[in-house]
Structures are given as C-alpha cells and as structure tokens.
N, C-alpha and C. Protein backbone atom coordinates (compact mmCIF):
# COMPACT_ATOMS: atom_id res chain seq x y z
N MET A 1 -18.90 -21.27 -54.32
CA MET A 1 -19.53 -20.02 -54.66
C MET A 1 -20.10 -20.09 -56.07
N LEU A 2 -19.37 -20.77 -56.97
CA LEU A 2 -19.84 -20.94 -58.34
C LEU A 2 -21.13 -21.75 -58.36
N ARG A 3 -21.24 -22.71 -57.48
CA ARG A 3 -22.43 -23.54 -57.39
C ARG A 3 -23.65 -22.71 -57.02
N VAL A 4 -23.46 -21.79 -56.09
CA VAL A 4 -24.56 -20.92 -55.66
C VAL A 4 -25.02 -20.05 -56.83
N TRP A 5 -24.08 -19.50 -57.55
CA TRP A 5 -24.43 -18.64 -58.68
C TRP A 5 -25.15 -19.43 -59.78
N SER A 6 -24.67 -20.61 -60.03
CA SER A 6 -25.32 -21.41 -61.08
C SER A 6 -26.74 -21.78 -60.69
N LEU A 7 -26.98 -22.10 -59.45
CA LEU A 7 -28.33 -22.38 -58.99
C LEU A 7 -29.21 -21.14 -59.05
N PHE A 8 -28.63 -20.01 -58.72
CA PHE A 8 -29.38 -18.75 -58.77
C PHE A 8 -29.79 -18.44 -60.21
N VAL A 9 -28.88 -18.60 -61.15
CA VAL A 9 -29.17 -18.34 -62.57
C VAL A 9 -30.24 -19.32 -63.07
N PHE A 10 -30.14 -20.59 -62.68
CA PHE A 10 -31.12 -21.59 -63.09
C PHE A 10 -32.51 -21.24 -62.57
N GLY A 11 -32.60 -20.84 -61.33
CA GLY A 11 -33.89 -20.46 -60.75
C GLY A 11 -34.46 -19.23 -61.42
N ALA A 12 -33.61 -18.25 -61.72
CA ALA A 12 -34.09 -17.03 -62.39
C ALA A 12 -34.62 -17.36 -63.77
N LEU A 13 -33.95 -18.23 -64.51
CA LEU A 13 -34.41 -18.61 -65.85
C LEU A 13 -35.76 -19.31 -65.77
N LEU A 14 -35.94 -20.18 -64.80
CA LEU A 14 -37.23 -20.86 -64.66
C LEU A 14 -38.34 -19.87 -64.38
N LEU A 15 -38.06 -18.90 -63.55
CA LEU A 15 -39.08 -17.91 -63.22
C LEU A 15 -39.43 -17.04 -64.43
N VAL A 16 -38.43 -16.72 -65.21
CA VAL A 16 -38.67 -15.85 -66.37
C VAL A 16 -39.32 -16.64 -67.50
N LEU A 17 -38.91 -17.87 -67.79
CA LEU A 17 -39.39 -18.63 -68.94
C LEU A 17 -40.76 -19.24 -68.72
N ALA A 18 -41.13 -19.61 -67.55
CA ALA A 18 -42.41 -20.27 -67.31
C ALA A 18 -43.58 -19.38 -67.66
N PRO A 19 -43.66 -18.14 -67.19
CA PRO A 19 -44.81 -17.33 -67.59
C PRO A 19 -44.78 -16.95 -69.07
N SER A 20 -43.58 -16.72 -69.60
CA SER A 20 -43.53 -16.35 -71.02
C SER A 20 -43.96 -17.52 -71.91
N ALA A 21 -43.68 -18.75 -71.51
CA ALA A 21 -44.11 -19.92 -72.27
C ALA A 21 -45.62 -20.05 -72.22
N ALA A 22 -46.21 -19.75 -71.09
CA ALA A 22 -47.65 -19.84 -70.96
C ALA A 22 -48.32 -18.76 -71.78
N PHE A 23 -47.74 -17.61 -71.86
CA PHE A 23 -48.30 -16.51 -72.63
C PHE A 23 -48.16 -16.77 -74.12
N ALA A 24 -47.11 -17.44 -74.51
CA ALA A 24 -46.86 -17.75 -75.92
C ALA A 24 -47.92 -18.70 -76.45
N GLU A 25 -48.50 -19.53 -75.67
CA GLU A 25 -49.51 -20.46 -76.12
C GLU A 25 -50.83 -19.74 -76.39
N GLY A 26 -50.90 -18.50 -76.08
CA GLY A 26 -52.08 -17.70 -76.38
C GLY A 26 -53.11 -17.75 -75.28
N GLY A 27 -52.73 -18.17 -74.17
CA GLY A 27 -53.71 -18.25 -73.10
C GLY A 27 -53.71 -17.01 -72.24
N ASP A 28 -54.67 -17.01 -71.38
CA ASP A 28 -54.77 -15.91 -70.42
C ASP A 28 -53.74 -16.11 -69.33
N LEU A 29 -53.08 -15.07 -69.05
CA LEU A 29 -51.98 -15.15 -68.09
C LEU A 29 -52.49 -15.46 -66.69
N LEU A 30 -53.68 -15.01 -66.36
CA LEU A 30 -54.19 -15.21 -65.01
C LEU A 30 -55.14 -16.40 -64.93
N ALA A 31 -55.41 -17.06 -65.98
CA ALA A 31 -56.33 -18.21 -65.95
C ALA A 31 -55.62 -19.39 -65.31
N PRO A 32 -56.32 -20.13 -64.47
CA PRO A 32 -55.69 -21.27 -63.84
C PRO A 32 -55.37 -22.37 -64.83
N ARG A 33 -54.15 -22.83 -64.74
CA ARG A 33 -53.69 -23.90 -65.63
C ARG A 33 -53.04 -24.95 -64.76
N PHE A 34 -53.37 -26.18 -65.01
CA PHE A 34 -52.88 -27.29 -64.21
C PHE A 34 -51.39 -27.52 -64.41
N ASP A 35 -50.94 -27.54 -65.60
CA ASP A 35 -49.52 -27.79 -65.87
C ASP A 35 -48.65 -26.67 -65.31
N LEU A 36 -49.13 -25.45 -65.40
CA LEU A 36 -48.37 -24.32 -64.86
C LEU A 36 -48.30 -24.42 -63.33
N GLY A 37 -49.36 -24.88 -62.71
CA GLY A 37 -49.39 -25.03 -61.26
C GLY A 37 -48.41 -26.09 -60.80
N ILE A 38 -48.32 -27.20 -61.58
CA ILE A 38 -47.37 -28.25 -61.22
C ILE A 38 -45.95 -27.74 -61.36
N TRP A 39 -45.68 -27.05 -62.47
CA TRP A 39 -44.33 -26.51 -62.65
C TRP A 39 -44.00 -25.48 -61.56
N THR A 40 -44.97 -24.72 -61.18
CA THR A 40 -44.73 -23.73 -60.12
C THR A 40 -44.39 -24.44 -58.82
N ILE A 41 -45.12 -25.50 -58.51
CA ILE A 41 -44.85 -26.26 -57.29
C ILE A 41 -43.48 -26.92 -57.38
N ILE A 42 -43.13 -27.48 -58.55
CA ILE A 42 -41.82 -28.12 -58.72
C ILE A 42 -40.72 -27.08 -58.56
N VAL A 43 -40.89 -25.91 -59.18
CA VAL A 43 -39.87 -24.86 -59.07
C VAL A 43 -39.77 -24.40 -57.62
N PHE A 44 -40.93 -24.25 -56.96
CA PHE A 44 -40.93 -23.82 -55.56
C PHE A 44 -40.21 -24.83 -54.68
N VAL A 45 -40.49 -26.13 -54.89
CA VAL A 45 -39.84 -27.17 -54.09
C VAL A 45 -38.35 -27.21 -54.38
N LEU A 46 -37.96 -27.07 -55.67
CA LEU A 46 -36.53 -27.06 -56.00
C LEU A 46 -35.83 -25.86 -55.37
N LEU A 47 -36.46 -24.69 -55.47
CA LEU A 47 -35.87 -23.50 -54.83
C LEU A 47 -35.81 -23.66 -53.32
N LEU A 48 -36.88 -24.27 -52.76
CA LEU A 48 -36.88 -24.50 -51.32
C LEU A 48 -35.76 -25.44 -50.92
N LEU A 49 -35.58 -26.53 -51.66
CA LEU A 49 -34.48 -27.46 -51.37
C LEU A 49 -33.13 -26.79 -51.57
N LEU A 50 -33.05 -26.01 -52.67
CA LEU A 50 -31.80 -25.30 -52.95
C LEU A 50 -31.48 -24.31 -51.83
N LEU A 51 -32.48 -23.53 -51.45
CA LEU A 51 -32.26 -22.56 -50.38
C LEU A 51 -32.01 -23.26 -49.05
N TRP A 52 -32.73 -24.38 -48.83
CA TRP A 52 -32.53 -25.13 -47.59
C TRP A 52 -31.09 -25.59 -47.49
N ARG A 53 -30.58 -26.07 -48.58
CA ARG A 53 -29.23 -26.61 -48.58
C ARG A 53 -28.17 -25.51 -48.63
N VAL A 54 -28.36 -24.52 -49.49
CA VAL A 54 -27.33 -23.51 -49.70
C VAL A 54 -27.45 -22.36 -48.70
N ALA A 55 -28.64 -21.90 -48.41
CA ALA A 55 -28.79 -20.70 -47.58
C ALA A 55 -29.22 -21.03 -46.16
N TRP A 56 -30.26 -21.87 -46.03
CA TRP A 56 -30.82 -22.11 -44.70
C TRP A 56 -29.82 -22.82 -43.78
N GLY A 57 -29.10 -23.78 -44.28
CA GLY A 57 -28.12 -24.51 -43.45
C GLY A 57 -27.04 -23.58 -42.89
N PRO A 58 -26.34 -22.83 -43.77
CA PRO A 58 -25.32 -21.92 -43.23
C PRO A 58 -25.92 -20.82 -42.34
N MET A 59 -27.12 -20.35 -42.71
CA MET A 59 -27.74 -19.31 -41.90
C MET A 59 -28.11 -19.87 -40.52
N LEU A 60 -28.67 -21.08 -40.51
CA LEU A 60 -29.01 -21.71 -39.25
C LEU A 60 -27.76 -21.99 -38.42
N GLU A 61 -26.71 -22.43 -39.10
CA GLU A 61 -25.44 -22.67 -38.40
C GLU A 61 -24.89 -21.37 -37.83
N GLY A 62 -24.95 -20.29 -38.60
CA GLY A 62 -24.49 -18.98 -38.12
C GLY A 62 -25.32 -18.51 -36.93
N LEU A 63 -26.65 -18.71 -37.00
CA LEU A 63 -27.51 -18.32 -35.89
C LEU A 63 -27.20 -19.14 -34.64
N GLN A 64 -26.93 -20.44 -34.84
CA GLN A 64 -26.58 -21.28 -33.69
C GLN A 64 -25.26 -20.85 -33.07
N LYS A 65 -24.31 -20.52 -33.94
CA LYS A 65 -23.02 -20.02 -33.43
C LYS A 65 -23.22 -18.71 -32.67
N ARG A 66 -24.05 -17.85 -33.25
CA ARG A 66 -24.32 -16.55 -32.60
C ARG A 66 -25.01 -16.78 -31.26
N GLU A 67 -26.00 -17.71 -31.25
CA GLU A 67 -26.70 -18.02 -30.01
C GLU A 67 -25.73 -18.56 -28.98
N GLU A 68 -24.83 -19.43 -29.40
CA GLU A 68 -23.83 -19.99 -28.48
C GLU A 68 -22.90 -18.90 -27.97
N THR A 69 -22.51 -18.00 -28.88
CA THR A 69 -21.64 -16.88 -28.48
C THR A 69 -22.35 -15.99 -27.46
N ILE A 70 -23.62 -15.71 -27.73
CA ILE A 70 -24.39 -14.87 -26.80
C ILE A 70 -24.55 -15.59 -25.46
N ARG A 71 -24.84 -16.89 -25.51
CA ARG A 71 -25.00 -17.67 -24.28
C ARG A 71 -23.69 -17.67 -23.49
N SER A 72 -22.57 -17.89 -24.19
CA SER A 72 -21.28 -17.90 -23.48
C SER A 72 -20.94 -16.51 -22.95
N SER A 73 -21.31 -15.47 -23.71
CA SER A 73 -21.06 -14.09 -23.24
C SER A 73 -21.89 -13.80 -22.00
N VAL A 74 -23.16 -14.24 -22.02
CA VAL A 74 -24.02 -14.03 -20.85
C VAL A 74 -23.46 -14.80 -19.65
N GLU A 75 -23.02 -16.03 -19.89
CA GLU A 75 -22.46 -16.83 -18.80
C GLU A 75 -21.17 -16.19 -18.27
N GLU A 76 -20.35 -15.72 -19.19
CA GLU A 76 -19.10 -15.04 -18.80
C GLU A 76 -19.41 -13.77 -18.00
N ALA A 77 -20.43 -13.03 -18.46
CA ALA A 77 -20.83 -11.82 -17.73
C ALA A 77 -21.35 -12.18 -16.34
N ARG A 78 -22.10 -13.27 -16.24
CA ARG A 78 -22.61 -13.71 -14.94
C ARG A 78 -21.46 -14.11 -14.02
N ARG A 79 -20.49 -14.86 -14.58
CA ARG A 79 -19.33 -15.26 -13.77
C ARG A 79 -18.54 -14.02 -13.34
N THR A 80 -18.37 -13.10 -14.28
CA THR A 80 -17.63 -11.88 -13.95
C THR A 80 -18.36 -11.08 -12.88
N ARG A 81 -19.68 -10.99 -13.02
CA ARG A 81 -20.46 -10.28 -12.01
C ARG A 81 -20.33 -10.95 -10.65
N ASP A 82 -20.38 -12.29 -10.63
CA ASP A 82 -20.23 -13.01 -9.36
C ASP A 82 -18.84 -12.78 -8.77
N GLU A 83 -17.83 -12.83 -9.63
CA GLU A 83 -16.45 -12.58 -9.16
C GLU A 83 -16.32 -11.16 -8.63
N MET A 84 -16.92 -10.21 -9.36
CA MET A 84 -16.84 -8.81 -8.91
C MET A 84 -17.58 -8.64 -7.59
N GLU A 85 -18.68 -9.34 -7.43
CA GLU A 85 -19.42 -9.27 -6.16
C GLU A 85 -18.58 -9.85 -5.03
N GLN A 86 -17.90 -10.96 -5.31
CA GLN A 86 -17.02 -11.55 -4.29
C GLN A 86 -15.87 -10.61 -3.97
N LEU A 87 -15.28 -10.02 -5.02
CA LEU A 87 -14.18 -9.08 -4.79
C LEU A 87 -14.66 -7.86 -4.02
N ARG A 88 -15.87 -7.37 -4.36
CA ARG A 88 -16.41 -6.21 -3.67
C ARG A 88 -16.65 -6.55 -2.19
N THR A 89 -17.18 -7.74 -1.94
CA THR A 89 -17.41 -8.17 -0.56
C THR A 89 -16.09 -8.30 0.19
N LYS A 90 -15.11 -8.90 -0.48
CA LYS A 90 -13.79 -9.05 0.14
C LYS A 90 -13.16 -7.69 0.41
N PHE A 91 -13.26 -6.78 -0.57
CA PHE A 91 -12.70 -5.44 -0.42
C PHE A 91 -13.40 -4.69 0.72
N LYS A 92 -14.73 -4.83 0.80
CA LYS A 92 -15.47 -4.18 1.87
C LYS A 92 -15.02 -4.73 3.22
N ALA A 93 -14.84 -6.05 3.30
CA ALA A 93 -14.38 -6.66 4.55
C ALA A 93 -12.99 -6.14 4.92
N GLU A 94 -12.11 -6.05 3.94
CA GLU A 94 -10.76 -5.55 4.20
C GLU A 94 -10.80 -4.09 4.63
N MET A 95 -11.67 -3.30 3.99
CA MET A 95 -11.78 -1.88 4.37
C MET A 95 -12.34 -1.77 5.79
N ASP A 96 -13.36 -2.58 6.11
CA ASP A 96 -13.91 -2.56 7.47
C ASP A 96 -12.85 -2.94 8.49
N GLU A 97 -12.04 -3.94 8.13
CA GLU A 97 -10.95 -4.36 9.02
C GLU A 97 -9.93 -3.24 9.19
N ALA A 98 -9.61 -2.58 8.08
CA ALA A 98 -8.65 -1.47 8.15
C ALA A 98 -9.21 -0.33 8.99
N TYR A 99 -10.51 -0.02 8.81
CA TYR A 99 -11.12 1.04 9.61
C TYR A 99 -11.16 0.64 11.08
N ALA A 100 -11.32 -0.64 11.36
CA ALA A 100 -11.32 -1.10 12.74
C ALA A 100 -9.92 -0.99 13.35
N LYS A 101 -8.89 -1.12 12.54
CA LYS A 101 -7.52 -1.05 13.05
C LYS A 101 -7.07 0.39 13.30
N ILE A 102 -7.73 1.35 12.66
CA ILE A 102 -7.30 2.76 12.80
C ILE A 102 -7.32 3.21 14.26
N PRO A 103 -8.42 3.00 15.04
CA PRO A 103 -8.38 3.42 16.45
C PRO A 103 -7.28 2.71 17.24
N GLN A 104 -7.06 1.43 16.95
CA GLN A 104 -6.00 0.70 17.65
C GLN A 104 -4.64 1.31 17.33
N MET A 105 -4.44 1.65 16.05
CA MET A 105 -3.16 2.26 15.66
C MET A 105 -3.00 3.64 16.30
N MET A 106 -4.10 4.39 16.39
CA MET A 106 -4.04 5.71 17.03
C MET A 106 -3.70 5.56 18.52
N ASP A 107 -4.34 4.59 19.18
CA ASP A 107 -4.04 4.36 20.59
C ASP A 107 -2.58 3.95 20.78
N ALA A 108 -2.12 3.07 19.91
CA ALA A 108 -0.71 2.65 19.99
C ALA A 108 0.22 3.83 19.76
N ALA A 109 -0.13 4.69 18.80
CA ALA A 109 0.70 5.87 18.54
C ALA A 109 0.70 6.80 19.74
N ARG A 110 -0.47 6.98 20.38
CA ARG A 110 -0.52 7.82 21.58
C ARG A 110 0.33 7.23 22.71
N ARG A 111 0.21 5.90 22.88
CA ARG A 111 1.02 5.25 23.93
C ARG A 111 2.50 5.41 23.64
N ASP A 112 2.87 5.23 22.37
CA ASP A 112 4.28 5.39 22.00
C ASP A 112 4.75 6.81 22.23
N ALA A 113 3.89 7.78 21.89
CA ALA A 113 4.26 9.19 22.08
C ALA A 113 4.41 9.50 23.57
N GLN A 114 3.49 8.97 24.40
CA GLN A 114 3.60 9.19 25.84
C GLN A 114 4.85 8.53 26.40
N ALA A 115 5.12 7.32 25.93
CA ALA A 115 6.31 6.62 26.41
C ALA A 115 7.57 7.38 26.00
N LEU A 116 7.57 7.89 24.76
CA LEU A 116 8.73 8.66 24.29
C LEU A 116 8.88 9.94 25.11
N ALA A 117 7.75 10.61 25.40
CA ALA A 117 7.81 11.83 26.21
C ALA A 117 8.33 11.52 27.61
N GLU A 118 7.84 10.42 28.20
CA GLU A 118 8.31 10.03 29.53
C GLU A 118 9.80 9.69 29.50
N GLU A 119 10.20 8.98 28.45
CA GLU A 119 11.61 8.62 28.32
C GLU A 119 12.48 9.86 28.19
N MET A 120 12.02 10.79 27.35
CA MET A 120 12.80 12.04 27.17
C MET A 120 12.83 12.83 28.48
N ARG A 121 11.69 12.85 29.21
CA ARG A 121 11.63 13.57 30.49
C ARG A 121 12.58 12.91 31.49
N ALA A 122 12.58 11.58 31.52
CA ALA A 122 13.47 10.86 32.44
C ALA A 122 14.93 11.09 32.07
N LYS A 123 15.19 11.07 30.76
CA LYS A 123 16.57 11.30 30.31
C LYS A 123 17.02 12.72 30.68
N ALA A 124 16.13 13.70 30.47
CA ALA A 124 16.48 15.08 30.81
C ALA A 124 16.68 15.23 32.32
N THR A 125 15.83 14.57 33.11
CA THR A 125 15.98 14.62 34.57
C THR A 125 17.30 13.99 35.00
N ALA A 126 17.63 12.87 34.36
CA ALA A 126 18.90 12.20 34.69
C ALA A 126 20.08 13.08 34.31
N GLU A 127 19.98 13.73 33.16
CA GLU A 127 21.07 14.61 32.74
C GLU A 127 21.20 15.80 33.69
N ILE A 128 20.07 16.35 34.10
CA ILE A 128 20.11 17.48 35.05
C ILE A 128 20.71 17.02 36.37
N GLN A 129 20.31 15.84 36.83
CA GLN A 129 20.85 15.31 38.09
C GLN A 129 22.35 15.08 37.97
N THR A 130 22.77 14.51 36.83
CA THR A 130 24.20 14.28 36.61
C THR A 130 24.96 15.61 36.60
N GLU A 131 24.38 16.59 35.94
CA GLU A 131 25.03 17.91 35.88
C GLU A 131 25.11 18.53 37.27
N ARG A 132 24.06 18.39 38.07
CA ARG A 132 24.08 18.91 39.44
C ARG A 132 25.19 18.25 40.26
N GLN A 133 25.26 16.92 40.13
CA GLN A 133 26.29 16.21 40.87
C GLN A 133 27.69 16.64 40.44
N ARG A 134 27.86 16.82 39.12
CA ARG A 134 29.16 17.26 38.63
C ARG A 134 29.49 18.66 39.18
N LEU A 135 28.49 19.55 39.15
CA LEU A 135 28.72 20.90 39.68
C LEU A 135 29.00 20.87 41.18
N ARG A 136 28.31 20.01 41.90
CA ARG A 136 28.57 19.91 43.35
C ARG A 136 29.99 19.41 43.60
N ARG A 137 30.41 18.41 42.79
CA ARG A 137 31.78 17.93 42.95
C ARG A 137 32.78 19.05 42.66
N GLU A 138 32.48 19.81 41.59
CA GLU A 138 33.39 20.91 41.27
C GLU A 138 33.42 21.95 42.38
N ILE A 139 32.22 22.20 42.92
CA ILE A 139 32.16 23.16 44.03
C ILE A 139 32.93 22.62 45.24
N ASP A 140 32.72 21.32 45.53
CA ASP A 140 33.43 20.71 46.65
C ASP A 140 34.94 20.75 46.43
N VAL A 141 35.37 20.44 45.20
CA VAL A 141 36.80 20.47 44.89
C VAL A 141 37.34 21.90 45.04
N ALA A 142 36.57 22.87 44.49
CA ALA A 142 37.01 24.27 44.58
C ALA A 142 37.06 24.72 46.04
N ARG A 143 36.05 24.31 46.83
CA ARG A 143 36.03 24.67 48.25
C ARG A 143 37.23 24.04 48.98
N ASP A 144 37.46 22.73 48.67
CA ASP A 144 38.60 22.07 49.30
C ASP A 144 39.91 22.74 48.92
N GLN A 145 40.03 23.14 47.64
CA GLN A 145 41.26 23.82 47.22
C GLN A 145 41.39 25.17 47.91
N ALA A 146 40.24 25.87 48.02
CA ALA A 146 40.28 27.18 48.69
C ALA A 146 40.66 27.01 50.16
N LEU A 147 40.07 25.98 50.80
CA LEU A 147 40.41 25.74 52.20
C LEU A 147 41.88 25.33 52.34
N GLN A 148 42.32 24.49 51.41
CA GLN A 148 43.72 24.06 51.42
C GLN A 148 44.63 25.28 51.30
N GLU A 149 44.28 26.15 50.36
CA GLU A 149 45.10 27.35 50.17
C GLU A 149 45.02 28.27 51.38
N LEU A 150 43.82 28.35 51.94
CA LEU A 150 43.64 29.18 53.13
C LEU A 150 44.47 28.63 54.29
N TRP A 151 44.47 27.30 54.47
CA TRP A 151 45.25 26.68 55.53
C TRP A 151 46.74 26.86 55.27
N THR A 152 47.08 26.74 54.00
CA THR A 152 48.49 26.92 53.67
C THR A 152 48.92 28.35 54.01
N GLN A 153 48.11 29.32 53.61
CA GLN A 153 48.43 30.72 53.89
C GLN A 153 48.44 30.98 55.42
N ALA A 154 47.47 30.39 56.09
CA ALA A 154 47.40 30.58 57.55
C ALA A 154 48.62 29.97 58.21
N ALA A 155 48.99 28.77 57.75
CA ALA A 155 50.16 28.12 58.33
C ALA A 155 51.41 28.93 58.02
N HIS A 156 51.47 29.46 56.83
CA HIS A 156 52.63 30.27 56.44
C HIS A 156 52.70 31.53 57.32
N LEU A 157 51.55 32.16 57.50
CA LEU A 157 51.53 33.36 58.35
C LEU A 157 51.88 33.00 59.80
N ALA A 158 51.34 31.86 60.24
CA ALA A 158 51.63 31.45 61.61
C ALA A 158 53.11 31.17 61.78
N THR A 159 53.70 30.60 60.76
CA THR A 159 55.13 30.31 60.81
C THR A 159 55.92 31.61 60.85
N LEU A 160 55.50 32.53 60.02
CA LEU A 160 56.21 33.82 60.01
C LEU A 160 56.08 34.53 61.35
N ILE A 161 54.88 34.48 61.87
CA ILE A 161 54.65 35.15 63.15
C ILE A 161 55.46 34.44 64.24
N SER A 162 55.41 33.14 64.24
CA SER A 162 56.13 32.41 65.29
C SER A 162 57.64 32.57 65.09
N ALA A 163 58.10 32.69 63.86
CA ALA A 163 59.52 32.88 63.63
C ALA A 163 59.95 34.23 64.18
N LYS A 164 59.14 35.21 64.02
CA LYS A 164 59.48 36.52 64.54
C LYS A 164 59.41 36.49 66.06
N ALA A 165 58.42 35.73 66.53
CA ALA A 165 58.28 35.68 67.98
C ALA A 165 59.43 34.90 68.60
N ILE A 166 59.90 33.87 68.00
CA ILE A 166 60.98 33.06 68.53
C ILE A 166 62.29 33.78 68.26
N GLY A 167 62.34 34.47 67.24
CA GLY A 167 63.54 35.21 66.94
C GLY A 167 64.46 34.49 66.02
N LYS A 168 64.10 33.47 65.61
CA LYS A 168 64.97 32.81 64.68
C LYS A 168 64.19 32.47 63.42
N SER A 169 64.85 32.25 62.42
CA SER A 169 64.23 31.97 61.14
C SER A 169 64.26 30.46 60.91
N LEU A 170 63.12 29.99 60.44
CA LEU A 170 63.04 28.56 60.15
C LEU A 170 63.42 28.33 58.69
N SER A 171 63.92 27.22 58.48
CA SER A 171 64.26 26.90 57.09
C SER A 171 62.99 26.53 56.33
N GLU A 172 63.16 26.46 55.05
CA GLU A 172 62.00 26.13 54.21
C GLU A 172 61.51 24.73 54.49
N ASP A 173 62.36 23.80 54.77
CA ASP A 173 61.94 22.44 55.10
C ASP A 173 61.14 22.43 56.40
N ASP A 174 61.56 23.27 57.34
CA ASP A 174 60.82 23.38 58.60
C ASP A 174 59.42 23.92 58.34
N HIS A 175 59.34 24.89 57.45
CA HIS A 175 58.03 25.47 57.09
C HIS A 175 57.11 24.40 56.51
N ARG A 176 57.63 23.63 55.64
CA ARG A 176 56.82 22.59 54.99
C ARG A 176 56.39 21.54 56.02
N ARG A 177 57.30 21.15 56.87
CA ARG A 177 56.97 20.16 57.88
C ARG A 177 55.90 20.69 58.82
N LEU A 178 55.99 21.92 59.22
CA LEU A 178 54.99 22.51 60.09
C LEU A 178 53.63 22.61 59.38
N ILE A 179 53.68 22.96 58.12
CA ILE A 179 52.42 23.08 57.34
C ILE A 179 51.78 21.70 57.21
N ASP A 180 52.57 20.71 56.91
CA ASP A 180 52.02 19.35 56.76
C ASP A 180 51.43 18.86 58.07
N GLU A 181 52.09 19.15 59.17
CA GLU A 181 51.57 18.74 60.47
C GLU A 181 50.26 19.45 60.77
N ALA A 182 50.18 20.73 60.42
CA ALA A 182 48.95 21.49 60.67
C ALA A 182 47.81 20.94 59.81
N LEU A 183 48.12 20.62 58.58
CA LEU A 183 47.07 20.09 57.69
C LEU A 183 46.59 18.73 58.17
N ASN A 184 47.50 17.91 58.63
CA ASN A 184 47.11 16.59 59.15
C ASN A 184 46.23 16.73 60.38
N GLU A 185 46.55 17.67 61.22
CA GLU A 185 45.73 17.90 62.42
C GLU A 185 44.34 18.37 62.01
N MET A 186 44.27 19.24 60.99
CA MET A 186 42.96 19.74 60.54
C MET A 186 42.12 18.61 59.91
N LYS A 187 42.78 17.75 59.17
CA LYS A 187 42.06 16.64 58.55
C LYS A 187 41.52 15.69 59.60
N GLN A 188 42.35 15.46 60.63
CA GLN A 188 41.90 14.57 61.70
C GLN A 188 40.77 15.18 62.48
N SER A 189 40.75 16.49 62.62
CA SER A 189 39.67 17.15 63.36
C SER A 189 38.36 17.13 62.54
N LYS A 190 38.44 17.11 61.21
CA LYS A 190 37.25 17.03 60.35
C LYS A 190 36.58 15.67 60.47
N VAL A 191 37.40 14.66 60.57
CA VAL A 191 36.90 13.30 60.58
C VAL A 191 36.25 13.07 61.92
C-alpha cells in the first residue's frame, strides 16, 4: 500500500512541477516545446506502466474473478433450473399417478363397503336364524313339559277315578308305576 502511495505522490509531483518549470523559463505556456513533449510522453508512459502494474492488473484480475463468479452462478442457475424441471416433471408424473389411483381406491372402498354390508347382513341373518331355532327349542321343550304335566295329571286323575271305581286305594308306588306305563305307551304311540 505504501508503494502505491509513493508512486501516486511521485506522479503528482511530476505533473505539478513540469508546467511550472516551463513557465519559469519565461515561455508561453501553450507554445509547443519539444522537451516538454518528451517529458510528457515519458511521464505518460511511466504512469501507464505504473497503473498497468498497480491498478490494471488487480482490476483485471477482479473483473476475471467476477466474470468467473457470474459464469458459475449462471451455470449453477441453469443446473438448478434443469433439476427443478426434472423435479417438476417427476412431481407431475407422481400426481398423475396418484390421481389415476383415486378411482381404483374408490372402487375398492365401495367393494369393501358392499362386502362389509353383505357380511353384516349374513351375520344378522345367521343370528336371527339361531335365535329362531333357540326359541323353537324352548317352545318344543315347554310344549313337551306341558304335555308331560298334562299326561301326569291325566294319569293321576285316571288313577283316582279307577281307584274309586275299583273301590280300593292304590299305593303311591302303584300310582307311579301306572303313570310310567301310561307315559311309555304314549311315547311309543308318538313314534
């Protein structure tokens, strides 16, 4: 940095002293002078070399870095755009596939719902049938018990009537034996 400042100060001194030296000689400031022209060219070339080395090189290097950065940014943006286009295409394909699956899923759901309804209907029908059979068995059992009781009462009455008619009283064992015989006869007549 000190080198740059020293060159800057040297160039400024040359610019300031050259015209003042020419004016001090008593000449016209605007009159063409050969020695002043040579010094001007020498100062110009020195400043050009100085600027070329100190300013132009770093500036050119900075511009090249900037150009490279811009080029890499453009390339990165292009790659990103291509990737985004691929992702968008892939996403669109996945969405189309998902939309295509929706009717299939709806059909499957309808089939499942119908199957479940049929299953529930079959289960309810089976339960109703089972309940009917159970009630019929209960009715049959109750009817058989009622008939049994009716036969028992009839046999008991018949025994009482026959005991009065015979004139003698039967023992309780005789009553049971007669009832059992009557029931056996009734069962055999059913078969």
